[in-house]
Amino acid sequence: MVAYSPEEEEIYKKVTGKKLNHRYIGQSTNLTLPPEMDYFLEKVLGTFPKYSPSINERLESLEVRVRKLEEEKSPQKNSKEITQADLVYEIYREELEKEHFGRVVAIDTDSGTIAGIGNNILEAYKDARRKSKNKKFSFKRIGYPFICRLR
């Protein structure tokens, strides 16, 4: 059943000069509202709902809107794109972390192999160039989510 708060009915009466006719509400399975009430709610008051939501419903809808806006503002913080290099690294991760923790690995994504390992990116690249014809590699620091930290 559609219900309006006394405040909404009072505002409607002041603006239109008419009292809200409740006979339209709840008389049939298809709830119909007087056309003037629809117009009043949508045009005059803006985007008022057809019923008065509780405070909890209003808070919940505001929280949802805030979460959506935060996600739109910073999509890179909320979602990490998984690359081919990440998949190759995950295949060899346990073995690499046991033997080479903290070193840098060069990953050949075309062949899906570990092309080189070194203490830094340059060493890993040189090792990878000796072992592979490819010139493009992805680099990861073994056991860490980043290669280097900027200060």
Foldseek 3Di string as FASTA:
>chain_A
DFDEDPVLQVVLCVVVVDGADCPQAPPDPDRDGPPSSVCCCPPVVNPDDRHDDDPVVVVVVVVVVVVVVVCVVCVCVVDDDQDLQNVLCVVCQVVCCVPPAQWKWWADSVVSHTQAIGRAPVRRQVSSVVRDVDNDTDMDHRPDPHRDDDD
